[in-house]
Amino acid sequence: MGKPSDLVQGTLDLLILKTIALEPMHGWAIAKRIQQISNEVLQVQQGSLYPALHRLEQQAWIRAKWSETETGRQAKFYSLTAAGRTQLEREKESWNRLSSAINLVVENV
């Protein structure tokens, strides 16, 4: 079963960018959404998620804004920037090339 250490290097950025592409989300919601969409296979731990969010924010691919959660708590909500949307497309293309190549090896060797 997948766990954070099983993720191919760099895929966490893709997962985060894709997850917040439709709407801004706070960190816990991002992790839960990834877990939910992956049928509970991928579980992103806080120790991996928050450094990645910080890195993506420093690269100006996402922006953070404090807002109130559905439970009334204050949390940082992350959203894609224009540069983040461009990067998401690059990440998806890269993932498609990599996963296709891996699949070729797995199916043919």
N, C-alpha and C. Protein backbone atom coordinates (compact mmCIF):
# COMPACT_ATOMS: atom_id res chain seq x y z
N MET A 1 0.84 -1.19 0.00
CA MET A 1 0.00 0.00 0.00
C MET A 1 0.88 1.25 0.00
N GLY A 2 0.38 2.30 -0.61
CA GLY A 2 1.14 3.54 -0.70
C GLY A 2 1.25 4.25 0.63
N LYS A 3 2.37 4.85 0.82
CA LYS A 3 2.58 5.73 1.97
C LYS A 3 3.49 6.84 1.47
N PRO A 4 3.63 7.94 2.23
CA PRO A 4 4.40 9.07 1.69
C PRO A 4 5.77 8.69 1.14
N SER A 5 6.47 7.77 1.77
CA SER A 5 7.80 7.42 1.29
C SER A 5 7.74 6.66 -0.03
N ASP A 6 6.55 6.13 -0.40
CA ASP A 6 6.39 5.42 -1.65
C ASP A 6 6.18 6.35 -2.83
N LEU A 7 5.89 7.63 -2.58
CA LEU A 7 5.65 8.56 -3.66
C LEU A 7 6.92 8.77 -4.47
N VAL A 8 6.79 8.75 -5.78
CA VAL A 8 7.91 9.06 -6.64
C VAL A 8 8.34 10.49 -6.35
N GLN A 9 9.65 10.73 -6.31
CA GLN A 9 10.16 12.06 -6.02
C GLN A 9 9.46 13.12 -6.87
N GLY A 10 8.93 14.13 -6.24
CA GLY A 10 8.31 15.22 -6.97
C GLY A 10 6.81 15.09 -7.16
N THR A 11 6.23 13.93 -6.88
CA THR A 11 4.80 13.78 -7.12
C THR A 11 3.95 14.52 -6.10
N LEU A 12 4.47 14.80 -4.92
CA LEU A 12 3.69 15.52 -3.92
C LEU A 12 3.31 16.90 -4.44
N ASP A 13 4.23 17.58 -5.11
CA ASP A 13 3.91 18.89 -5.67
C ASP A 13 2.74 18.78 -6.64
N LEU A 14 2.79 17.79 -7.52
CA LEU A 14 1.72 17.57 -8.49
C LEU A 14 0.39 17.33 -7.77
N LEU A 15 0.40 16.48 -6.76
CA LEU A 15 -0.82 16.16 -6.03
C LEU A 15 -1.41 17.40 -5.36
N ILE A 16 -0.56 18.21 -4.76
CA ILE A 16 -1.04 19.43 -4.09
C ILE A 16 -1.60 20.40 -5.12
N LEU A 17 -0.84 20.67 -6.18
CA LEU A 17 -1.29 21.62 -7.20
C LEU A 17 -2.62 21.18 -7.80
N LYS A 18 -2.75 19.91 -8.11
CA LYS A 18 -3.98 19.39 -8.70
C LYS A 18 -5.14 19.49 -7.71
N THR A 19 -4.88 19.21 -6.45
CA THR A 19 -5.93 19.22 -5.43
C THR A 19 -6.52 20.61 -5.22
N ILE A 20 -5.68 21.64 -5.27
CA ILE A 20 -6.20 23.00 -5.05
C ILE A 20 -6.54 23.72 -6.34
N ALA A 21 -6.47 23.02 -7.47
CA ALA A 21 -6.76 23.66 -8.75
C ALA A 21 -8.20 24.16 -8.84
N LEU A 22 -9.14 23.47 -8.24
CA LEU A 22 -10.54 23.86 -8.34
C LEU A 22 -10.97 24.89 -7.30
N GLU A 23 -10.40 24.78 -6.10
CA GLU A 23 -10.80 25.71 -5.04
C GLU A 23 -9.71 25.79 -3.97
N PRO A 24 -9.61 26.93 -3.30
CA PRO A 24 -8.65 27.05 -2.20
C PRO A 24 -8.99 26.06 -1.08
N MET A 25 -7.95 25.53 -0.47
CA MET A 25 -8.13 24.58 0.63
C MET A 25 -7.07 24.81 1.68
N HIS A 26 -7.38 24.45 2.92
CA HIS A 26 -6.36 24.50 3.98
C HIS A 26 -5.63 23.16 4.01
N GLY A 27 -4.51 23.15 4.70
CA GLY A 27 -3.61 21.99 4.67
C GLY A 27 -4.26 20.67 5.02
N TRP A 28 -5.01 20.64 6.11
CA TRP A 28 -5.65 19.39 6.53
C TRP A 28 -6.61 18.90 5.45
N ALA A 29 -7.36 19.83 4.84
CA ALA A 29 -8.31 19.46 3.80
C ALA A 29 -7.60 18.92 2.55
N ILE A 30 -6.44 19.49 2.24
CA ILE A 30 -5.65 19.00 1.10
C ILE A 30 -5.25 17.55 1.35
N ALA A 31 -4.72 17.27 2.52
CA ALA A 31 -4.28 15.91 2.86
C ALA A 31 -5.46 14.94 2.83
N LYS A 32 -6.60 15.34 3.38
CA LYS A 32 -7.77 14.47 3.40
C LYS A 32 -8.31 14.23 1.99
N ARG A 33 -8.28 15.25 1.16
CA ARG A 33 -8.78 15.12 -0.21
C ARG A 33 -7.91 14.15 -1.01
N ILE A 34 -6.60 14.28 -0.88
CA ILE A 34 -5.69 13.35 -1.57
C ILE A 34 -5.96 11.92 -1.10
N GLN A 35 -6.12 11.75 0.19
CA GLN A 35 -6.40 10.42 0.74
C GLN A 35 -7.74 9.89 0.21
N GLN A 36 -8.74 10.74 0.19
CA GLN A 36 -10.07 10.35 -0.26
C GLN A 36 -10.08 9.99 -1.75
N ILE A 37 -9.51 10.85 -2.58
CA ILE A 37 -9.51 10.62 -4.03
C ILE A 37 -8.71 9.37 -4.39
N SER A 38 -7.66 9.08 -3.62
CA SER A 38 -6.82 7.91 -3.91
C SER A 38 -7.37 6.62 -3.29
N ASN A 39 -8.62 6.66 -2.83
CA ASN A 39 -9.23 5.50 -2.18
C ASN A 39 -8.41 5.02 -0.98
N GLU A 40 -7.93 6.00 -0.21
CA GLU A 40 -7.21 5.73 1.04
C GLU A 40 -5.81 5.15 0.83
N VAL A 41 -5.29 5.14 -0.40
CA VAL A 41 -3.96 4.57 -0.66
C VAL A 41 -2.88 5.59 -0.29
N LEU A 42 -3.06 6.84 -0.68
CA LEU A 42 -2.06 7.87 -0.40
C LEU A 42 -2.44 8.64 0.86
N GLN A 43 -1.50 8.69 1.78
CA GLN A 43 -1.70 9.44 3.02
C GLN A 43 -0.52 10.39 3.18
N VAL A 44 -0.80 11.67 3.04
CA VAL A 44 0.24 12.68 3.14
C VAL A 44 0.33 13.16 4.58
N GLN A 45 1.48 12.95 5.18
CA GLN A 45 1.68 13.35 6.57
C GLN A 45 2.01 14.84 6.66
N GLN A 46 1.70 15.44 7.80
CA GLN A 46 1.98 16.86 8.01
C GLN A 46 3.45 17.18 7.80
N GLY A 47 4.32 16.28 8.20
CA GLY A 47 5.76 16.51 8.06
C GLY A 47 6.22 16.59 6.62
N SER A 48 5.42 16.08 5.70
CA SER A 48 5.71 16.20 4.27
C SER A 48 4.90 17.32 3.64
N LEU A 49 3.65 17.45 4.05
CA LEU A 49 2.73 18.39 3.43
C LEU A 49 3.14 19.85 3.66
N TYR A 50 3.36 20.24 4.90
CA TYR A 50 3.61 21.66 5.18
C TYR A 50 4.93 22.18 4.62
N PRO A 51 6.00 21.41 4.65
CA PRO A 51 7.21 21.87 3.95
C PRO A 51 6.97 22.03 2.45
N ALA A 52 6.20 21.12 1.86
CA ALA A 52 5.89 21.22 0.43
C ALA A 52 5.06 22.47 0.14
N LEU A 53 4.06 22.74 0.97
CA LEU A 53 3.25 23.95 0.80
C LEU A 53 4.12 25.20 0.90
N HIS A 54 5.01 25.20 1.86
CA HIS A 54 5.91 26.35 2.04
C HIS A 54 6.80 26.53 0.80
N ARG A 55 7.33 25.44 0.30
CA ARG A 55 8.19 25.48 -0.89
C ARG A 55 7.41 25.99 -2.11
N LEU A 56 6.20 25.48 -2.30
CA LEU A 56 5.37 25.92 -3.43
C LEU A 56 5.01 27.40 -3.32
N GLU A 57 4.80 27.85 -2.09
CA GLU A 57 4.50 29.27 -1.87
C GLU A 57 5.73 30.12 -2.18
N GLN A 58 6.90 29.67 -1.78
CA GLN A 58 8.14 30.41 -2.08
C GLN A 58 8.39 30.49 -3.58
N GLN A 59 7.97 29.47 -4.32
CA GLN A 59 8.15 29.46 -5.78
C GLN A 59 7.05 30.24 -6.48
N ALA A 60 6.13 30.81 -5.70
CA ALA A 60 5.01 31.61 -6.21
C ALA A 60 4.03 30.79 -7.07
N TRP A 61 3.97 29.49 -6.83
CA TRP A 61 3.01 28.64 -7.53
C TRP A 61 1.68 28.59 -6.79
N ILE A 62 1.74 28.86 -5.47
CA ILE A 62 0.52 28.96 -4.68
C ILE A 62 0.61 30.21 -3.82
N ARG A 63 -0.55 30.65 -3.35
CA ARG A 63 -0.57 31.76 -2.38
C ARG A 63 -1.42 31.30 -1.20
N ALA A 64 -1.11 31.86 -0.04
CA ALA A 64 -1.83 31.50 1.17
C ALA A 64 -2.56 32.73 1.71
N LYS A 65 -3.74 32.48 2.23
CA LYS A 65 -4.55 33.56 2.80
C LYS A 65 -5.26 33.00 4.03
N TRP A 66 -5.15 33.71 5.15
CA TRP A 66 -5.84 33.28 6.35
C TRP A 66 -7.33 33.48 6.19
N SER A 67 -8.10 32.47 6.56
CA SER A 67 -9.55 32.54 6.47
C SER A 67 -10.15 31.58 7.49
N GLU A 68 -11.45 31.65 7.63
CA GLU A 68 -12.13 30.80 8.60
C GLU A 68 -12.54 29.48 7.95
N THR A 69 -12.31 28.38 8.67
CA THR A 69 -12.71 27.06 8.18
C THR A 69 -14.20 26.85 8.43
N GLU A 70 -14.71 25.74 7.94
CA GLU A 70 -16.11 25.40 8.15
C GLU A 70 -16.45 25.17 9.62
N THR A 71 -15.41 24.92 10.43
CA THR A 71 -15.63 24.73 11.87
C THR A 71 -15.39 26.01 12.67
N GLY A 72 -15.10 27.11 11.98
CA GLY A 72 -14.91 28.39 12.66
C GLY A 72 -13.49 28.70 13.08
N ARG A 73 -12.55 27.81 12.79
CA ARG A 73 -11.15 28.06 13.12
C ARG A 73 -10.49 28.87 12.02
N GLN A 74 -9.42 29.56 12.37
CA GLN A 74 -8.61 30.28 11.38
C GLN A 74 -7.56 29.30 10.82
N ALA A 75 -7.40 29.33 9.52
CA ALA A 75 -6.41 28.47 8.87
C ALA A 75 -5.95 29.14 7.59
N LYS A 76 -4.77 28.74 7.15
CA LYS A 76 -4.26 29.23 5.87
C LYS A 76 -4.92 28.43 4.76
N PHE A 77 -5.52 29.14 3.82
CA PHE A 77 -6.10 28.51 2.64
C PHE A 77 -5.16 28.75 1.47
N TYR A 78 -4.86 27.70 0.75
CA TYR A 78 -3.91 27.76 -0.35
C TYR A 78 -4.65 27.73 -1.68
N SER A 79 -4.22 28.58 -2.61
CA SER A 79 -4.80 28.61 -3.95
C SER A 79 -3.69 28.72 -4.98
N LEU A 80 -4.00 28.30 -6.21
CA LEU A 80 -3.03 28.37 -7.29
C LEU A 80 -2.90 29.80 -7.81
N THR A 81 -1.69 30.15 -8.18
CA THR A 81 -1.44 31.40 -8.90
C THR A 81 -1.44 31.07 -10.39
N ALA A 82 -1.33 32.08 -11.23
CA ALA A 82 -1.23 31.84 -12.67
C ALA A 82 0.01 30.99 -12.97
N ALA A 83 1.11 31.31 -12.30
CA ALA A 83 2.34 30.52 -12.47
C ALA A 83 2.12 29.09 -11.99
N GLY A 84 1.32 28.91 -10.96
CA GLY A 84 1.00 27.58 -10.45
C GLY A 84 0.20 26.76 -11.44
N ARG A 85 -0.71 27.41 -12.15
CA ARG A 85 -1.49 26.69 -13.18
C ARG A 85 -0.57 26.23 -14.31
N THR A 86 0.36 27.08 -14.69
CA THR A 86 1.33 26.71 -15.73
C THR A 86 2.18 25.55 -15.24
N GLN A 87 2.65 25.62 -13.99
CA GLN A 87 3.47 24.56 -13.42
C GLN A 87 2.68 23.26 -13.31
N LEU A 88 1.41 23.34 -12.97
CA LEU A 88 0.58 22.14 -12.89
C LEU A 88 0.56 21.42 -14.23
N GLU A 89 0.43 22.15 -15.31
CA GLU A 89 0.44 21.53 -16.64
C GLU A 89 1.78 20.87 -16.92
N ARG A 90 2.87 21.53 -16.54
CA ARG A 90 4.21 20.94 -16.72
C ARG A 90 4.34 19.65 -15.91
N GLU A 91 3.88 19.71 -14.65
CA GLU A 91 3.97 18.55 -13.76
C GLU A 91 3.15 17.38 -14.30
N LYS A 92 1.97 17.67 -14.84
CA LYS A 92 1.12 16.61 -15.40
C LYS A 92 1.79 15.98 -16.61
N GLU A 93 2.37 16.79 -17.48
CA GLU A 93 3.08 16.25 -18.65
C GLU A 93 4.25 15.38 -18.22
N SER A 94 5.00 15.84 -17.25
CA SER A 94 6.14 15.08 -16.75
C SER A 94 5.68 13.76 -16.14
N TRP A 95 4.61 13.81 -15.35
CA TRP A 95 4.07 12.60 -14.72
C TRP A 95 3.62 11.61 -15.80
N ASN A 96 2.94 12.10 -16.82
CA ASN A 96 2.47 11.21 -17.89
C ASN A 96 3.62 10.53 -18.59
N ARG A 97 4.70 11.27 -18.86
CA ARG A 97 5.88 10.66 -19.49
C ARG A 97 6.50 9.61 -18.58
N LEU A 98 6.68 9.95 -17.31
CA LEU A 98 7.31 9.05 -16.36
C LEU A 98 6.46 7.80 -16.13
N SER A 99 5.17 7.98 -15.89
CA SER A 99 4.33 6.81 -15.61
C SER A 99 4.21 5.91 -16.84
N SER A 100 4.19 6.49 -18.04
CA SER A 100 4.16 5.68 -19.25
C SER A 100 5.43 4.87 -19.39
N ALA A 101 6.57 5.49 -19.12
CA ALA A 101 7.86 4.79 -19.21
C ALA A 101 7.94 3.66 -18.18
N ILE A 102 7.51 3.92 -16.97
CA ILE A 102 7.52 2.89 -15.93
C ILE A 102 6.60 1.74 -16.33
N ASN A 103 5.42 2.08 -16.84
CA ASN A 103 4.48 1.06 -17.26
C ASN A 103 5.06 0.18 -18.38
N LEU A 104 5.79 0.78 -19.30
CA LEU A 104 6.43 0.01 -20.36
C LEU A 104 7.39 -1.03 -19.78
N VAL A 105 8.17 -0.61 -18.80
CA VAL A 105 9.13 -1.54 -18.18
C VAL A 105 8.40 -2.64 -17.41
N VAL A 106 7.39 -2.24 -16.64
CA VAL A 106 6.67 -3.22 -15.82
C VAL A 106 5.95 -4.24 -16.70
N GLU A 107 5.35 -3.79 -17.77
CA GLU A 107 4.57 -4.68 -18.63
C GLU A 107 5.42 -5.51 -19.60
N ASN A 108 6.63 -5.04 -19.93
CA ASN A 108 7.41 -5.70 -20.98
C ASN A 108 8.69 -6.38 -20.52
N VAL A 109 9.08 -6.21 -19.32
CA VAL A 109 10.35 -6.80 -18.87
C VAL A 109 10.07 -8.04 -18.04
